[in-house]
Protein backbone atom coordinates (compact mmCIF):
# COMPACT_ATOMS: atom_id res chain seq x y z
CA MET A 1 -4.07 146.65 22.31
CA THR A 2 -7.52 144.36 22.95
CA ARG A 3 -10.82 146.67 21.95
CA ILE A 4 -14.80 146.00 21.49
CA ILE A 5 -14.73 145.56 17.63
CA GLY A 6 -18.50 146.09 16.40
CA GLY A 7 -21.47 146.69 18.12
CA LEU A 8 -23.17 149.77 20.18
CA VAL A 9 -19.45 150.31 21.60
CA GLY A 10 -17.20 148.81 19.18
CA SER A 11 -13.55 150.40 18.82
CA ARG A 12 -13.80 150.97 23.27
CA LYS A 13 -10.54 150.25 24.43
CA LEU A 14 -10.05 147.07 26.83
CA ALA A 15 -7.69 146.84 29.62
CA SER A 16 -5.21 143.66 29.55
CA PRO A 17 -3.10 142.04 32.10
CA ALA A 18 0.37 142.86 31.75
CA LYS A 19 0.71 138.84 30.81
CA SER A 20 -0.89 135.77 31.59
CA THR A 21 -3.60 135.80 28.43
CA ARG A 22 -3.89 135.45 24.91
CA PRO A 23 -6.68 137.51 23.73
CA THR A 24 -8.48 136.31 20.32
CA SER A 25 -6.79 138.50 17.84
CA ASP A 26 -8.89 141.66 16.59
CA ARG A 27 -9.17 139.42 12.57
CA ILE A 28 -10.15 136.23 14.45
CA ARG A 29 -13.11 137.72 16.62
CA GLU A 30 -14.31 140.00 13.63
CA SER A 31 -14.69 136.67 11.68
CA ILE A 32 -16.29 134.77 14.47
CA PHE A 33 -18.66 137.75 15.12
CA SER A 34 -19.82 138.44 11.19
CA SER A 35 -21.02 134.53 11.45
CA LEU A 36 -22.57 134.59 14.66
CA GLU A 37 -24.67 137.76 13.46
CA SER A 38 -25.27 136.28 10.10
CA LYS A 39 -26.82 133.56 12.13
CA ASP A 40 -28.77 135.92 14.54
CA ALA A 41 -26.78 133.99 17.47
CA LEU A 42 -25.94 137.16 19.52
CA GLN A 43 -29.78 138.97 19.93
CA LYS A 44 -30.90 138.51 23.68
CA ALA A 45 -28.45 136.03 24.20
CA SER A 46 -27.19 134.72 27.12
CA VAL A 47 -23.39 134.53 26.72
CA LEU A 48 -20.52 132.27 28.65
CA ASP A 49 -17.35 133.26 28.15
CA LEU A 50 -15.20 130.64 29.89
CA TYR A 51 -10.82 130.88 30.36
CA ALA A 52 -12.15 134.92 29.91
CA GLY A 53 -8.82 136.61 30.01
CA THR A 54 -9.67 139.96 29.27
CA GLY A 55 -13.20 138.81 29.23
CA ALA A 56 -12.99 140.55 25.25
CA LEU A 57 -15.30 137.69 23.91
CA GLY A 58 -18.20 138.35 26.28
CA LEU A 59 -17.93 142.04 26.00
CA GLU A 60 -18.14 142.27 22.56
CA ALA A 61 -21.21 139.64 22.26
CA LEU A 62 -22.94 142.36 24.43
CA SER A 63 -22.13 144.99 22.21
CA ARG A 64 -23.65 143.30 19.36
CA GLY A 65 -26.79 142.65 21.07
CA ALA A 66 -26.63 140.01 23.72
CA THR A 67 -28.15 140.68 27.09
CA SER A 68 -26.21 138.64 29.42
CA ALA A 69 -22.47 137.90 29.85
CA LEU A 70 -20.67 135.70 32.19
CA LEU A 71 -17.01 135.86 32.33
CA VAL A 72 -15.35 132.80 34.27
CA GLU A 73 -11.40 133.67 34.58
CA SER A 74 -9.24 131.46 37.86
CA ASN A 75 -6.52 133.94 37.48
CA LYS A 76 -7.06 136.67 39.73
CA GLN A 77 -4.78 139.79 37.99
CA ALA A 78 -7.34 138.49 34.91
CA ALA A 79 -9.77 138.39 36.58
CA ALA A 80 -9.57 141.64 37.54
CA VAL A 81 -9.41 142.96 34.46
CA CYS A 82 -12.34 141.02 33.28
CA ILE A 83 -14.22 143.24 36.43
CA GLN A 84 -12.56 146.60 35.27
CA ASN A 85 -13.62 145.89 31.32
CA SER A 86 -17.23 144.34 32.56
CA ARG A 87 -17.80 148.04 34.38
CA LEU A 88 -16.59 150.10 31.66
CA ILE A 89 -18.78 148.22 28.92
CA GLN A 90 -21.72 148.23 30.68
CA ASP A 91 -21.64 151.75 31.51
CA ALA A 92 -20.96 152.51 27.88
CA LEU A 93 -24.26 150.33 26.81
CA LEU A 94 -26.43 151.89 29.20
CA GLU A 95 -25.03 155.87 28.03
CA GLU A 96 -26.62 154.22 24.90
CA ASP A 97 -29.81 153.22 26.54
CA HIS A 98 -28.96 149.39 26.39
CA GLU A 99 -29.03 147.70 29.37
CA VAL A 100 -27.14 144.83 29.93
CA VAL A 101 -26.13 142.25 32.60
CA ALA A 102 -21.78 141.23 33.17
CA LYS A 103 -20.48 139.69 35.82
CA VAL A 104 -17.17 138.07 36.62
CA GLN A 105 -16.82 134.73 38.12
CA ILE A 106 -13.45 134.06 39.96
CA GLN A 107 -12.72 130.05 40.45
CA PRO A 108 -11.46 127.56 37.70
CA VAL A 109 -13.47 126.75 34.79
CA GLN A 110 -14.70 123.14 35.60
CA LYS A 111 -15.51 124.01 39.10
CA PHE A 112 -17.70 126.38 38.02
CA LEU A 113 -19.42 123.91 35.84
CA GLU A 114 -19.96 121.67 37.93
CA ASN A 115 -22.21 123.94 40.15
CA ASN A 116 -23.66 126.41 37.61
CA SER A 117 -27.71 126.09 37.06
CA GLN A 118 -27.79 128.39 34.42
CA VAL A 119 -28.91 127.84 30.95
CA PHE A 120 -26.60 129.57 27.92
CA ASP A 121 -27.52 130.18 24.37
CA LEU A 122 -23.82 130.83 23.31
CA VAL A 123 -20.25 129.82 25.16
CA PHE A 124 -16.74 130.68 24.05
CA ILE A 125 -13.86 127.97 25.77
CA ASP A 126 -10.50 129.60 25.12
CA PRO A 127 -8.29 128.26 27.37
CA PRO A 128 -4.32 128.85 27.56
CA TYR A 129 -2.70 126.58 24.77
CA GLU A 130 -1.01 124.92 27.50
CA ILE A 131 -4.08 123.42 28.81
CA GLN A 132 -4.48 119.75 27.56
CA ASN A 133 -7.59 119.41 25.82
CA GLN A 134 -8.63 116.26 28.41
CA GLU A 135 -9.39 119.21 30.53
CA VAL A 136 -11.42 121.15 27.08
CA GLU A 137 -13.07 117.65 26.67
CA LYS A 138 -14.13 117.50 30.35
CA ASN A 139 -15.71 121.54 30.28
CA LEU A 140 -17.69 120.36 27.14
CA GLU A 141 -18.96 117.16 28.88
CA SER A 142 -20.00 119.21 32.06
CA LEU A 143 -21.31 122.41 30.39
CA ARG A 144 -23.65 120.07 27.90
CA GLY A 145 -26.91 120.33 30.58
CA GLN A 146 -26.29 123.98 30.78
CA LEU A 147 -27.04 124.85 26.86
CA SER A 148 -30.48 126.08 25.87
CA LYS A 149 -31.91 124.63 22.48
CA ASN A 150 -29.88 125.17 19.43
CA ALA A 151 -26.80 127.09 21.38
CA LEU A 152 -23.38 127.57 19.99
CA VAL A 153 -20.61 126.72 21.87
CA LEU A 154 -17.16 128.10 20.26
CA VAL A 155 -14.13 126.60 21.40
CA GLU A 156 -10.72 128.22 20.08
CA ARG A 157 -7.43 125.84 20.51
CA SER A 158 -4.27 125.56 18.76
CA THR A 159 -3.89 124.18 15.54
CA ARG A 160 -0.52 122.40 16.57
CA ALA A 161 -2.81 120.45 19.02
CA GLU A 162 -4.25 117.31 18.52
CA ALA A 163 -8.04 117.73 17.22
CA LEU A 164 -10.44 118.27 20.13
CA GLU A 165 -12.59 115.12 20.75
CA THR A 166 -16.51 117.04 20.44
CA ALA A 167 -18.51 113.68 21.83
CA GLY A 168 -21.92 114.33 22.37
CA TYR A 169 -21.69 117.81 19.91
CA GLU A 170 -22.30 118.55 16.12
CA LEU A 171 -19.22 119.75 15.04
CA LEU A 172 -20.27 122.85 12.72
CA GLU A 173 -17.28 123.25 10.96
CA THR A 174 -13.61 124.27 11.97
CA LYS A 175 -12.01 127.47 11.04
CA ASN A 176 -8.37 127.76 11.07
CA PHE A 177 -7.03 131.19 11.44
CA GLY A 178 -2.73 130.98 11.24
CA ASP A 179 -1.80 129.49 14.84
CA THR A 180 -5.80 128.92 16.02
CA ALA A 181 -8.54 126.57 15.07
CA VAL A 182 -12.11 127.58 15.91
CA TYR A 183 -14.03 124.43 16.94
CA TRP A 184 -18.36 125.79 16.41
CA LEU A 185 -20.35 123.17 18.02
CA ARG A 186 -23.93 122.58 18.93
CA ALA A 187 -24.89 119.80 21.90
CA ASN A 188 -26.84 116.77 20.20
């Protein structure tokens, strides 16, 4: 079961597609969001969630103070779940007198990045583990001009994969959680 962990609509359950996604575990999300809150990186943030899956990362950010989240997902089943979850969280936050914007873009991540003109404060890149580092590195390269000053980019990869090449970014830290590595980056 995937759920929102904290914030205004904490413990709200999210829908998940039958398969095709690997949602970030509650333990990893709790660690990520505790760190983001301690860095004051969520309040009024514009969030981009690439390879969104269920949308849990972007929607968790909304629950904890971000004002907008754009979820990008190419898998039609997963995108339908993102739409369903976005509506659920937007409605729940509206009941708490907290108006947010959650949108879902159904297209391949790289195509989205090549045509996007929005600027983001916080970006999650959580591709399926079978996606090669070269594709993620190309995503990072395309993303650079779409980041606000001091924006954070968090990338999840398998600890079994080769280290991610982060040219053009400062590697702030890498945290390992079992078979998941989370890279914390800031554009140079």
